[in-house]
Amino acid sequence: MKRRPKPPLRPAGGFDRLGWLAGARRVRSPNADARPAGVAVTLVVVHGISLPPGRFGGDAIARLFTNRLDPAAHPSFRAIADLRVSAHFLIRRDGAMVQFVAAGDRAWHAGTSQWRGRERCNDYSIGIELEGTDERPYTARQYARLAQVVRRLAARWPIADVAGHSDVAPGRKTDPGPSFDRARLARLLGRAAAARVAVAGDKGGPGPAPPSGL
């Protein structure tokens, strides 16, 4: 029996004045605060996440980002349940999108980090989590959704670069891992966006930032 083709992704909507994206399911995280005054948003940091590790679906990621993760629910949760972290967006394996923090605010996603010699990436970046692992390929729907969101962001803020968590925190973080196809994202961004936004690690891109003594 043939599987029915999945319906096409609905285009991402626009941002409201605070930075909430139309069409994304909204789950507010308390792990956020105001960006420093006068700081422009110029960077997108792509992460990879799965909770428990290697398992997809469920509500554990949302629970982590809203400080409700039960440390007894899985052995791997004990080490992370007390973390106070978040991201602006989560893109599920099927392309569904959840927003935890308004893009105008600072999410707590990058930790100790730097990009192009500039530290504190949380101050000037958007954090986007892809549901996945370093080793398992991300899905076509995730790439399509990620490209949509980056284009929307670049239309609203002066986004100049897309980098992986491993690029801004080398030696400390490995996500989104070698399974993340940077060239594919660059192609999906299209000529107009690609002319303004560089994808780190893509051919001709800037490559990783230098280590910051982490």
N, C-alpha and C. Protein backbone atom coordinates (compact mmCIF):
# COMPACT_ATOMS: atom_id res chain seq x y z
N MET A 1 0.84 -1.19 0.00
CA MET A 1 0.00 0.00 0.00
C MET A 1 0.88 1.25 0.00
N LYS A 2 0.63 2.12 -0.95
CA LYS A 2 1.44 3.32 -1.07
C LYS A 2 1.09 4.32 0.03
N ARG A 3 2.14 4.96 0.54
CA ARG A 3 1.90 6.01 1.52
C ARG A 3 1.40 7.28 0.83
N ARG A 4 0.49 7.94 1.49
CA ARG A 4 0.03 9.22 0.96
C ARG A 4 1.15 10.26 1.10
N PRO A 5 1.36 11.05 0.06
CA PRO A 5 2.39 12.09 0.20
C PRO A 5 2.01 13.10 1.26
N LYS A 6 3.00 13.57 1.99
CA LYS A 6 2.75 14.57 3.01
C LYS A 6 2.33 15.88 2.36
N PRO A 7 1.40 16.60 2.97
CA PRO A 7 1.01 17.90 2.41
C PRO A 7 2.19 18.86 2.45
N PRO A 8 2.25 19.80 1.53
CA PRO A 8 3.36 20.75 1.53
C PRO A 8 3.34 21.60 2.79
N LEU A 9 4.52 22.07 3.17
CA LEU A 9 4.60 22.94 4.34
C LEU A 9 3.88 24.25 4.05
N ARG A 10 3.15 24.71 5.03
CA ARG A 10 2.57 26.04 4.90
C ARG A 10 3.68 27.07 5.07
N PRO A 11 3.67 28.11 4.26
CA PRO A 11 4.72 29.12 4.41
C PRO A 11 4.70 29.74 5.80
N ALA A 12 5.87 30.03 6.31
CA ALA A 12 5.94 30.74 7.59
C ALA A 12 5.34 32.12 7.41
N GLY A 13 4.64 32.59 8.44
CA GLY A 13 4.04 33.91 8.38
C GLY A 13 5.06 34.99 8.69
N GLY A 14 4.56 36.17 9.00
CA GLY A 14 5.43 37.28 9.34
C GLY A 14 5.56 37.41 10.85
N PHE A 15 6.46 38.29 11.27
CA PHE A 15 6.68 38.56 12.68
C PHE A 15 5.82 39.73 13.14
N ASP A 16 5.33 39.64 14.37
CA ASP A 16 4.66 40.80 14.94
C ASP A 16 5.72 41.74 15.52
N ARG A 17 5.31 42.80 16.16
CA ARG A 17 6.26 43.82 16.59
C ARG A 17 7.22 43.32 17.67
N LEU A 18 6.82 42.29 18.40
CA LEU A 18 7.68 41.74 19.45
C LEU A 18 8.61 40.64 18.94
N GLY A 19 8.27 40.08 17.76
CA GLY A 19 9.09 39.01 17.21
C GLY A 19 8.49 37.64 17.33
N TRP A 20 7.17 37.55 17.49
CA TRP A 20 6.49 36.25 17.44
C TRP A 20 6.09 35.97 16.00
N LEU A 21 6.37 34.76 15.55
CA LEU A 21 6.16 34.40 14.14
C LEU A 21 4.79 33.76 13.95
N ALA A 22 4.02 34.31 13.05
CA ALA A 22 2.70 33.75 12.75
C ALA A 22 2.86 32.34 12.20
N GLY A 23 2.03 31.43 12.66
CA GLY A 23 2.06 30.05 12.19
C GLY A 23 2.85 29.11 13.07
N ALA A 24 3.67 29.64 13.98
CA ALA A 24 4.42 28.80 14.90
C ALA A 24 3.60 28.58 16.16
N ARG A 25 3.62 27.36 16.68
CA ARG A 25 2.98 27.11 17.97
C ARG A 25 3.78 27.80 19.05
N ARG A 26 3.12 28.53 19.91
CA ARG A 26 3.79 29.35 20.91
C ARG A 26 3.78 28.67 22.27
N VAL A 27 4.97 28.42 22.81
CA VAL A 27 5.14 27.90 24.16
C VAL A 27 6.16 28.81 24.83
N ARG A 28 5.72 29.69 25.69
CA ARG A 28 6.60 30.70 26.25
C ARG A 28 7.58 30.09 27.26
N SER A 29 8.85 30.41 27.09
CA SER A 29 9.88 29.99 28.02
C SER A 29 10.20 31.15 28.96
N PRO A 30 10.36 30.85 30.26
CA PRO A 30 10.80 31.90 31.19
C PRO A 30 12.29 32.19 31.09
N ASN A 31 13.00 31.37 30.32
CA ASN A 31 14.45 31.49 30.24
C ASN A 31 14.84 32.43 29.10
N ALA A 32 14.58 33.69 29.31
CA ALA A 32 14.83 34.72 28.30
C ALA A 32 14.85 36.07 29.00
N ASP A 33 15.45 37.04 28.36
CA ASP A 33 15.44 38.39 28.89
C ASP A 33 15.64 39.37 27.75
N ALA A 34 15.75 40.65 28.08
CA ALA A 34 15.90 41.67 27.05
C ALA A 34 17.31 41.66 26.48
N ARG A 35 17.42 41.94 25.20
CA ARG A 35 18.74 42.11 24.60
C ARG A 35 19.33 43.44 25.08
N PRO A 36 20.66 43.55 25.06
CA PRO A 36 21.27 44.84 25.41
C PRO A 36 20.77 45.94 24.47
N ALA A 37 20.60 47.12 25.00
CA ALA A 37 20.09 48.23 24.21
C ALA A 37 21.00 48.52 23.02
N GLY A 38 20.37 48.70 21.87
CA GLY A 38 21.10 49.08 20.68
C GLY A 38 21.81 47.96 19.95
N VAL A 39 21.65 46.70 20.42
CA VAL A 39 22.33 45.57 19.78
C VAL A 39 21.45 45.01 18.67
N ALA A 40 21.99 44.94 17.45
CA ALA A 40 21.24 44.41 16.31
C ALA A 40 21.37 42.89 16.26
N VAL A 41 20.34 42.24 15.74
CA VAL A 41 20.33 40.79 15.59
C VAL A 41 20.95 40.47 14.22
N THR A 42 22.12 39.85 14.23
CA THR A 42 22.86 39.62 12.98
C THR A 42 23.23 38.17 12.72
N LEU A 43 22.91 37.28 13.65
CA LEU A 43 23.39 35.90 13.57
C LEU A 43 22.26 34.92 13.88
N VAL A 44 22.21 33.82 13.14
CA VAL A 44 21.34 32.69 13.47
C VAL A 44 22.25 31.53 13.87
N VAL A 45 21.99 30.94 15.04
CA VAL A 45 22.75 29.79 15.51
C VAL A 45 21.84 28.55 15.42
N VAL A 46 22.29 27.56 14.67
CA VAL A 46 21.53 26.32 14.48
C VAL A 46 22.05 25.28 15.47
N HIS A 47 21.12 24.67 16.20
CA HIS A 47 21.42 23.64 17.17
C HIS A 47 20.77 22.32 16.74
N GLY A 48 21.17 21.24 17.37
CA GLY A 48 20.49 19.96 17.23
C GLY A 48 20.14 19.44 18.61
N ILE A 49 18.96 18.86 18.75
CA ILE A 49 18.52 18.38 20.06
C ILE A 49 17.58 17.20 19.91
N SER A 50 17.67 16.25 20.82
CA SER A 50 16.69 15.18 20.95
C SER A 50 16.67 14.75 22.40
N LEU A 51 15.48 14.60 22.95
CA LEU A 51 15.29 14.20 24.35
C LEU A 51 14.19 13.17 24.44
N PRO A 52 14.51 12.00 25.04
CA PRO A 52 15.85 11.53 25.39
C PRO A 52 16.75 11.44 24.15
N PRO A 53 18.06 11.35 24.33
CA PRO A 53 18.96 11.34 23.18
C PRO A 53 18.60 10.26 22.16
N GLY A 54 18.45 10.68 20.91
CA GLY A 54 18.14 9.75 19.83
C GLY A 54 16.67 9.43 19.67
N ARG A 55 15.81 9.99 20.50
CA ARG A 55 14.37 9.78 20.39
C ARG A 55 13.69 11.07 19.97
N PHE A 56 12.71 10.93 19.11
CA PHE A 56 12.03 12.10 18.56
C PHE A 56 10.56 12.11 18.97
N GLY A 57 9.99 13.30 18.98
CA GLY A 57 8.60 13.45 19.41
C GLY A 57 8.54 13.61 20.92
N GLY A 58 7.34 13.71 21.44
CA GLY A 58 7.19 13.88 22.88
C GLY A 58 7.36 15.34 23.29
N ASP A 59 7.27 15.56 24.59
CA ASP A 59 7.26 16.92 25.09
C ASP A 59 8.48 17.26 25.94
N ALA A 60 9.52 16.43 25.92
CA ALA A 60 10.66 16.64 26.80
C ALA A 60 11.42 17.93 26.47
N ILE A 61 11.54 18.27 25.19
CA ILE A 61 12.25 19.50 24.83
C ILE A 61 11.51 20.71 25.37
N ALA A 62 10.19 20.74 25.17
CA ALA A 62 9.40 21.84 25.69
C ALA A 62 9.48 21.90 27.21
N ARG A 63 9.50 20.75 27.85
CA ARG A 63 9.61 20.73 29.31
C ARG A 63 10.97 21.27 29.76
N LEU A 64 12.02 20.93 29.04
CA LEU A 64 13.34 21.47 29.39
C LEU A 64 13.35 22.99 29.28
N PHE A 65 12.79 23.51 28.21
CA PHE A 65 12.83 24.95 27.97
C PHE A 65 11.86 25.74 28.85
N THR A 66 10.96 25.02 29.54
CA THR A 66 10.02 25.69 30.44
C THR A 66 10.23 25.26 31.89
N ASN A 67 11.38 24.65 32.17
CA ASN A 67 11.79 24.30 33.54
C ASN A 67 10.83 23.30 34.19
N ARG A 68 10.32 22.36 33.39
CA ARG A 68 9.37 21.37 33.90
C ARG A 68 9.83 19.94 33.61
N LEU A 69 11.12 19.77 33.29
CA LEU A 69 11.61 18.44 32.94
C LEU A 69 11.77 17.60 34.21
N ASP A 70 11.16 16.43 34.22
CA ASP A 70 11.21 15.54 35.38
C ASP A 70 12.51 14.75 35.34
N PRO A 71 13.40 14.95 36.30
CA PRO A 71 14.68 14.22 36.27
C PRO A 71 14.53 12.72 36.42
N ALA A 72 13.38 12.27 36.92
CA ALA A 72 13.15 10.84 37.09
C ALA A 72 12.55 10.17 35.86
N ALA A 73 12.20 10.96 34.86
CA ALA A 73 11.53 10.41 33.68
C ALA A 73 12.47 9.62 32.79
N HIS A 74 13.78 9.94 32.82
CA HIS A 74 14.76 9.22 32.01
C HIS A 74 16.12 9.45 32.65
N PRO A 75 17.00 8.45 32.65
CA PRO A 75 18.31 8.64 33.29
C PRO A 75 19.10 9.84 32.77
N SER A 76 18.95 10.16 31.48
CA SER A 76 19.71 11.28 30.91
C SER A 76 19.20 12.63 31.38
N PHE A 77 18.01 12.68 31.95
CA PHE A 77 17.42 13.95 32.35
C PHE A 77 18.01 14.49 33.66
N ARG A 78 18.59 13.62 34.45
CA ARG A 78 19.08 14.06 35.76
C ARG A 78 20.15 15.14 35.63
N ALA A 79 20.97 15.04 34.62
CA ALA A 79 22.08 15.98 34.46
C ALA A 79 21.65 17.31 33.87
N ILE A 80 20.45 17.38 33.29
CA ILE A 80 20.04 18.61 32.60
C ILE A 80 18.78 19.25 33.16
N ALA A 81 18.10 18.58 34.07
CA ALA A 81 16.80 19.06 34.53
C ALA A 81 16.87 20.43 35.19
N ASP A 82 18.01 20.76 35.81
CA ASP A 82 18.13 22.05 36.49
C ASP A 82 18.70 23.15 35.61
N LEU A 83 19.01 22.85 34.36
CA LEU A 83 19.51 23.88 33.46
C LEU A 83 18.42 24.90 33.16
N ARG A 84 18.82 26.12 32.97
CA ARG A 84 17.89 27.18 32.58
C ARG A 84 18.29 27.63 31.18
N VAL A 85 17.70 26.98 30.20
CA VAL A 85 18.06 27.20 28.80
C VAL A 85 16.80 27.34 27.96
N SER A 86 16.99 27.82 26.76
CA SER A 86 15.87 27.98 25.83
C SER A 86 16.43 28.17 24.43
N ALA A 87 15.55 28.28 23.48
CA ALA A 87 15.89 28.68 22.11
C ALA A 87 14.70 29.47 21.61
N HIS A 88 14.90 30.21 20.55
CA HIS A 88 13.76 30.92 19.98
C HIS A 88 12.79 29.95 19.30
N PHE A 89 13.35 29.01 18.54
CA PHE A 89 12.52 28.09 17.75
C PHE A 89 12.99 26.65 17.90
N LEU A 90 12.04 25.75 17.76
CA LEU A 90 12.30 24.32 17.59
C LEU A 90 11.61 23.88 16.31
N ILE A 91 12.35 23.19 15.44
CA ILE A 91 11.77 22.64 14.21
C ILE A 91 11.78 21.12 14.33
N ARG A 92 10.60 20.53 14.38
CA ARG A 92 10.43 19.09 14.54
C ARG A 92 10.82 18.36 13.26
N ARG A 93 10.88 17.04 13.35
CA ARG A 93 11.27 16.22 12.20
C ARG A 93 10.31 16.40 11.03
N ASP A 94 9.04 16.66 11.32
CA ASP A 94 8.05 16.83 10.25
C ASP A 94 7.92 18.27 9.79
N GLY A 95 8.78 19.15 10.28
CA GLY A 95 8.74 20.55 9.88
C GLY A 95 7.85 21.42 10.75
N ALA A 96 7.13 20.81 11.70
CA ALA A 96 6.32 21.61 12.62
C ALA A 96 7.24 22.51 13.45
N MET A 97 6.73 23.69 13.78
CA MET A 97 7.57 24.69 14.41
C MET A 97 6.96 25.17 15.72
N VAL A 98 7.81 25.27 16.74
CA VAL A 98 7.43 25.78 18.04
C VAL A 98 8.31 26.98 18.34
N GLN A 99 7.70 28.05 18.85
CA GLN A 99 8.48 29.22 19.25
C GLN A 99 8.38 29.39 20.76
N PHE A 100 9.54 29.53 21.40
CA PHE A 100 9.60 29.65 22.86
C PHE A 100 9.90 31.06 23.33
N VAL A 101 10.59 31.84 22.52
CA VAL A 101 11.01 33.19 22.90
C VAL A 101 10.78 34.11 21.70
N ALA A 102 10.26 35.29 21.95
CA ALA A 102 10.11 36.27 20.88
C ALA A 102 11.48 36.62 20.30
N ALA A 103 11.53 36.78 18.99
CA ALA A 103 12.83 37.02 18.34
C ALA A 103 13.45 38.34 18.78
N GLY A 104 12.63 39.26 19.25
CA GLY A 104 13.18 40.51 19.75
C GLY A 104 13.87 40.39 21.09
N ASP A 105 13.63 39.28 21.80
CA ASP A 105 14.24 39.06 23.10
C ASP A 105 15.44 38.12 22.99
N ARG A 106 16.18 38.00 24.07
CA ARG A 106 17.37 37.15 24.12
C ARG A 106 17.02 35.79 24.71
N ALA A 107 17.17 34.74 23.93
CA ALA A 107 17.03 33.38 24.44
C ALA A 107 18.37 32.91 24.96
N TRP A 108 18.33 31.94 25.86
CA TRP A 108 19.56 31.45 26.49
C TRP A 108 19.95 30.13 25.84
N HIS A 109 20.59 30.21 24.71
CA HIS A 109 20.84 29.02 23.89
C HIS A 109 22.31 28.75 23.59
N ALA A 110 23.13 29.76 23.44
CA ALA A 110 24.50 29.56 22.95
C ALA A 110 25.52 29.35 24.05
N GLY A 111 25.25 29.85 25.25
CA GLY A 111 26.22 29.73 26.34
C GLY A 111 27.47 30.54 26.04
N THR A 112 28.59 30.11 26.62
CA THR A 112 29.87 30.77 26.36
C THR A 112 30.20 30.60 24.88
N SER A 113 30.32 31.71 24.17
CA SER A 113 30.37 31.61 22.70
C SER A 113 30.98 32.87 22.11
N GLN A 114 31.41 32.74 20.86
CA GLN A 114 31.84 33.92 20.11
C GLN A 114 31.73 33.65 18.62
N TRP A 115 31.57 34.72 17.87
CA TRP A 115 31.49 34.62 16.42
C TRP A 115 32.18 35.82 15.81
N ARG A 116 33.12 35.54 14.92
CA ARG A 116 33.90 36.59 14.26
C ARG A 116 34.55 37.52 15.30
N GLY A 117 35.06 36.91 16.37
CA GLY A 117 35.75 37.66 17.39
C GLY A 117 34.86 38.38 18.38
N ARG A 118 33.57 38.22 18.26
CA ARG A 118 32.62 38.90 19.13
C ARG A 118 32.00 37.88 20.09
N GLU A 119 32.09 38.13 21.38
CA GLU A 119 31.60 37.19 22.37
C GLU A 119 30.11 37.39 22.65
N ARG A 120 29.56 36.52 23.53
CA ARG A 120 28.18 36.61 24.00
C ARG A 120 27.19 36.58 22.84
N CYS A 121 27.21 35.47 22.12
CA CYS A 121 26.36 35.35 20.93
C CYS A 121 24.87 35.48 21.25
N ASN A 122 24.46 35.12 22.46
CA ASN A 122 23.04 35.26 22.79
C ASN A 122 22.56 36.69 22.62
N ASP A 123 23.45 37.65 22.83
CA ASP A 123 23.05 39.06 22.75
C ASP A 123 22.54 39.44 21.36
N TYR A 124 23.12 38.84 20.33
CA TYR A 124 22.85 39.31 18.97
C TYR A 124 22.42 38.19 18.02
N SER A 125 21.94 37.08 18.57
CA SER A 125 21.60 35.95 17.70
C SER A 125 20.20 35.42 17.96
N ILE A 126 19.75 34.62 17.00
CA ILE A 126 18.53 33.83 17.09
C ILE A 126 18.95 32.37 17.20
N GLY A 127 18.40 31.65 18.16
CA GLY A 127 18.71 30.23 18.32
C GLY A 127 17.60 29.37 17.75
N ILE A 128 17.95 28.47 16.85
CA ILE A 128 16.98 27.55 16.23
C ILE A 128 17.44 26.12 16.47
N GLU A 129 16.60 25.36 17.15
CA GLU A 129 16.88 23.96 17.42
C GLU A 129 16.23 23.08 16.34
N LEU A 130 17.02 22.18 15.77
CA LEU A 130 16.49 21.15 14.88
C LEU A 130 16.40 19.86 15.68
N GLU A 131 15.24 19.22 15.66
CA GLU A 131 15.10 17.95 16.37
C GLU A 131 15.91 16.90 15.61
N GLY A 132 16.94 16.37 16.26
CA GLY A 132 17.79 15.40 15.58
C GLY A 132 19.03 15.12 16.41
N THR A 133 19.98 14.45 15.77
CA THR A 133 21.25 14.11 16.40
C THR A 133 22.39 14.50 15.47
N ASP A 134 23.61 14.49 16.01
CA ASP A 134 24.77 14.82 15.19
C ASP A 134 24.96 13.85 14.03
N GLU A 135 24.52 12.58 14.22
CA GLU A 135 24.82 11.54 13.24
C GLU A 135 23.68 11.28 12.26
N ARG A 136 22.45 11.50 12.64
CA ARG A 136 21.31 11.14 11.79
C ARG A 136 20.93 12.32 10.90
N PRO A 137 20.76 12.10 9.60
CA PRO A 137 20.42 13.22 8.72
C PRO A 137 19.14 13.92 9.13
N TYR A 138 19.16 15.22 9.03
CA TYR A 138 17.94 15.99 9.25
C TYR A 138 17.03 15.82 8.04
N THR A 139 15.74 16.10 8.19
CA THR A 139 14.77 15.80 7.14
C THR A 139 14.63 16.94 6.15
N ALA A 140 14.09 16.58 4.99
CA ALA A 140 13.85 17.60 3.96
C ALA A 140 12.91 18.68 4.47
N ARG A 141 11.92 18.30 5.25
CA ARG A 141 10.97 19.28 5.77
C ARG A 141 11.63 20.20 6.79
N GLN A 142 12.59 19.70 7.52
CA GLN A 142 13.31 20.57 8.44
C GLN A 142 14.15 21.60 7.68
N TYR A 143 14.82 21.18 6.62
CA TYR A 143 15.60 22.14 5.84
C TYR A 143 14.69 23.19 5.20
N ALA A 144 13.56 22.74 4.68
CA ALA A 144 12.64 23.69 4.04
C ALA A 144 12.13 24.70 5.06
N ARG A 145 11.77 24.22 6.25
CA ARG A 145 11.27 25.12 7.28
C ARG A 145 12.36 26.06 7.77
N LEU A 146 13.56 25.53 7.97
CA LEU A 146 14.66 26.37 8.42
C LEU A 146 14.94 27.49 7.42
N ALA A 147 14.95 27.15 6.14
CA ALA A 147 15.19 28.18 5.12
C ALA A 147 14.08 29.23 5.14
N GLN A 148 12.83 28.81 5.31
CA GLN A 148 11.73 29.76 5.41
C GLN A 148 11.95 30.73 6.55
N VAL A 149 12.30 30.19 7.71
CA VAL A 149 12.44 31.04 8.90
C VAL A 149 13.63 31.99 8.75
N VAL A 150 14.74 31.50 8.21
CA VAL A 150 15.90 32.37 8.02
C VAL A 150 15.55 33.51 7.05
N ARG A 151 14.82 33.19 5.99
CA ARG A 151 14.42 34.26 5.07
C ARG A 151 13.54 35.28 5.77
N ARG A 152 12.60 34.82 6.59
CA ARG A 152 11.73 35.74 7.33
C ARG A 152 12.54 36.60 8.28
N LEU A 153 13.48 35.97 8.97
CA LEU A 153 14.33 36.72 9.89
C LEU A 153 15.15 37.77 9.15
N ALA A 154 15.73 37.39 8.01
CA ALA A 154 16.57 38.31 7.26
C ALA A 154 15.79 39.47 6.68
N ALA A 155 14.47 39.26 6.47
CA ALA A 155 13.63 40.35 5.97
C ALA A 155 13.32 41.36 7.07
N ARG A 156 13.46 40.96 8.32
CA ARG A 156 13.11 41.83 9.45
C ARG A 156 14.34 42.39 10.17
N TRP A 157 15.40 41.56 10.30
CA TRP A 157 16.60 41.96 11.01
C TRP A 157 17.81 41.83 10.09
N PRO A 158 18.90 42.52 10.39
CA PRO A 158 20.08 42.48 9.50
C PRO A 158 20.93 41.22 9.70
N ILE A 159 20.31 40.06 9.44
CA ILE A 159 21.01 38.79 9.60
C ILE A 159 22.13 38.69 8.56
N ALA A 160 23.34 38.41 9.03
CA ALA A 160 24.48 38.31 8.12
C ALA A 160 25.02 36.89 8.02
N ASP A 161 24.84 36.07 9.08
CA ASP A 161 25.44 34.74 9.11
C ASP A 161 24.50 33.72 9.72
N VAL A 162 24.63 32.48 9.25
CA VAL A 162 24.03 31.32 9.90
C VAL A 162 25.18 30.40 10.29
N ALA A 163 25.28 30.08 11.57
CA ALA A 163 26.38 29.24 12.07
C ALA A 163 25.81 28.12 12.92
N GLY A 164 26.56 27.05 13.07
CA GLY A 164 26.18 25.98 13.97
C GLY A 164 26.64 26.29 15.39
N HIS A 165 26.02 25.62 16.36
CA HIS A 165 26.45 25.78 17.74
C HIS A 165 27.93 25.42 17.87
N SER A 166 28.35 24.42 17.12
CA SER A 166 29.76 24.01 17.15
C SER A 166 30.68 25.08 16.60
N ASP A 167 30.18 25.96 15.76
CA ASP A 167 30.99 27.05 15.21
C ASP A 167 31.21 28.17 16.22
N VAL A 168 30.20 28.43 17.05
CA VAL A 168 30.31 29.54 18.00
C VAL A 168 30.85 29.07 19.35
N ALA A 169 30.85 27.76 19.58
CA ALA A 169 31.40 27.21 20.82
C ALA A 169 32.28 26.00 20.49
N PRO A 170 33.33 26.18 19.68
CA PRO A 170 34.16 25.05 19.25
C PRO A 170 34.87 24.42 20.44
N GLY A 171 34.93 23.08 20.42
CA GLY A 171 35.56 22.37 21.51
C GLY A 171 34.62 22.10 22.67
N ARG A 172 33.53 22.83 22.75
CA ARG A 172 32.56 22.65 23.82
C ARG A 172 31.28 22.01 23.31
N LYS A 173 30.87 22.35 22.08
CA LYS A 173 29.64 21.83 21.51
C LYS A 173 29.92 21.22 20.14
N THR A 174 29.14 20.20 19.78
CA THR A 174 29.31 19.53 18.49
C THR A 174 28.09 19.67 17.58
N ASP A 175 26.96 20.09 18.11
CA ASP A 175 25.74 20.18 17.31
C ASP A 175 25.77 21.40 16.38
N PRO A 176 25.08 21.33 15.26
CA PRO A 176 24.16 20.30 14.80
C PRO A 176 24.83 19.08 14.18
N GLY A 177 26.16 19.04 14.21
CA GLY A 177 26.89 17.85 13.81
C GLY A 177 27.16 17.75 12.32
N PRO A 178 27.94 16.73 11.94
CA PRO A 178 28.27 16.52 10.52
C PRO A 178 27.05 16.13 9.68
N SER A 179 25.96 15.74 10.32
CA SER A 179 24.76 15.39 9.56
C SER A 179 24.03 16.62 9.04
N PHE A 180 24.42 17.80 9.51
CA PHE A 180 23.78 19.04 9.05
C PHE A 180 24.40 19.48 7.73
N ASP A 181 23.59 19.54 6.68
CA ASP A 181 24.05 19.85 5.33
C ASP A 181 23.97 21.36 5.10
N ARG A 182 25.07 22.03 5.31
CA ARG A 182 25.11 23.49 5.21
C ARG A 182 24.90 23.97 3.77
N ALA A 183 25.48 23.23 2.82
CA ALA A 183 25.32 23.61 1.42
C ALA A 183 23.86 23.51 1.00
N ARG A 184 23.15 22.51 1.52
CA ARG A 184 21.73 22.36 1.20
C ARG A 184 20.94 23.56 1.71
N LEU A 185 21.22 23.99 2.92
CA LEU A 185 20.53 25.16 3.44
C LEU A 185 20.82 26.38 2.59
N ALA A 186 22.09 26.56 2.20
CA ALA A 186 22.45 27.71 1.38
C ALA A 186 21.68 27.72 0.07
N ARG A 187 21.53 26.54 -0.54
CA ARG A 187 20.77 26.47 -1.79
C ARG A 187 19.30 26.83 -1.57
N LEU A 188 18.72 26.34 -0.47
CA LEU A 188 17.31 26.58 -0.20
C LEU A 188 17.02 28.02 0.15
N LEU A 189 18.01 28.74 0.64
CA LEU A 189 17.77 30.14 0.96
C LEU A 189 17.45 30.96 -0.27
N GLY A 190 17.93 30.51 -1.42
CA GLY A 190 17.66 31.24 -2.65
C GLY A 190 18.65 32.37 -2.85
N ARG A 191 18.72 32.85 -4.05
CA ARG A 191 19.73 33.85 -4.40
C ARG A 191 19.59 35.14 -3.61
N ALA A 192 18.37 35.61 -3.45
CA ALA A 192 18.18 36.90 -2.79
C ALA A 192 18.68 36.85 -1.35
N ALA A 193 18.27 35.81 -0.60
CA ALA A 193 18.70 35.71 0.79
C ALA A 193 20.18 35.35 0.88
N ALA A 194 20.63 34.44 0.01
CA ALA A 194 22.02 33.99 0.06
C ALA A 194 22.99 35.13 -0.24
N ALA A 195 22.53 36.13 -0.98
CA ALA A 195 23.39 37.27 -1.27
C ALA A 195 23.67 38.10 -0.02
N ARG A 196 22.78 37.99 0.98
CA ARG A 196 22.93 38.77 2.21
C ARG A 196 23.37 37.93 3.40
N VAL A 197 23.06 36.62 3.37
CA VAL A 197 23.29 35.75 4.53
C VAL A 197 24.29 34.66 4.17
N ALA A 198 25.40 34.58 4.89
CA ALA A 198 26.40 33.54 4.66
C ALA A 198 26.16 32.37 5.60
N VAL A 199 26.22 31.15 5.07
CA VAL A 199 26.08 29.95 5.88
C VAL A 199 27.47 29.43 6.19
N ALA A 200 27.85 29.45 7.46
CA ALA A 200 29.19 29.03 7.86
C ALA A 200 29.44 27.59 7.46
N GLY A 201 30.59 27.33 6.85
CA GLY A 201 30.95 25.98 6.46
C GLY A 201 30.51 25.63 5.06
N ASP A 202 29.63 26.43 4.45
CA ASP A 202 29.29 26.22 3.04
C ASP A 202 30.49 26.64 2.21
N LYS A 203 30.59 26.14 0.99
CA LYS A 203 31.71 26.48 0.12
C LYS A 203 31.79 27.99 -0.04
N GLY A 204 32.92 28.53 0.32
CA GLY A 204 33.10 29.97 0.22
C GLY A 204 32.65 30.71 1.46
N GLY A 205 32.09 29.97 2.46
CA GLY A 205 31.64 30.62 3.68
C GLY A 205 32.79 30.92 4.60
N PRO A 206 32.51 31.59 5.72
CA PRO A 206 33.58 32.03 6.60
C PRO A 206 34.21 30.94 7.44
N GLY A 207 33.53 29.79 7.60
CA GLY A 207 34.07 28.73 8.43
C GLY A 207 33.89 29.05 9.90
N PRO A 208 34.35 28.14 10.76
CA PRO A 208 34.14 28.32 12.20
C PRO A 208 34.88 29.51 12.74
N ALA A 209 34.34 30.08 13.81
CA ALA A 209 35.03 31.14 14.52
C ALA A 209 36.20 30.54 15.27
N PRO A 210 37.24 31.32 15.53
CA PRO A 210 38.38 30.79 16.26
C PRO A 210 38.01 30.47 17.69
N PRO A 211 38.71 29.50 18.33
CA PRO A 211 38.41 29.16 19.72
C PRO A 211 38.56 30.38 20.62
N SER A 212 37.77 30.40 21.71
CA SER A 212 37.78 31.55 22.60
C SER A 212 38.30 31.18 23.97
N GLY A 213 39.10 30.12 24.05
CA GLY A 213 39.68 29.73 25.32
C GLY A 213 38.67 29.12 26.27
N LEU A 214 37.69 28.38 25.73
CA LEU A 214 36.65 27.79 26.58
C LEU A 214 37.27 26.73 27.48
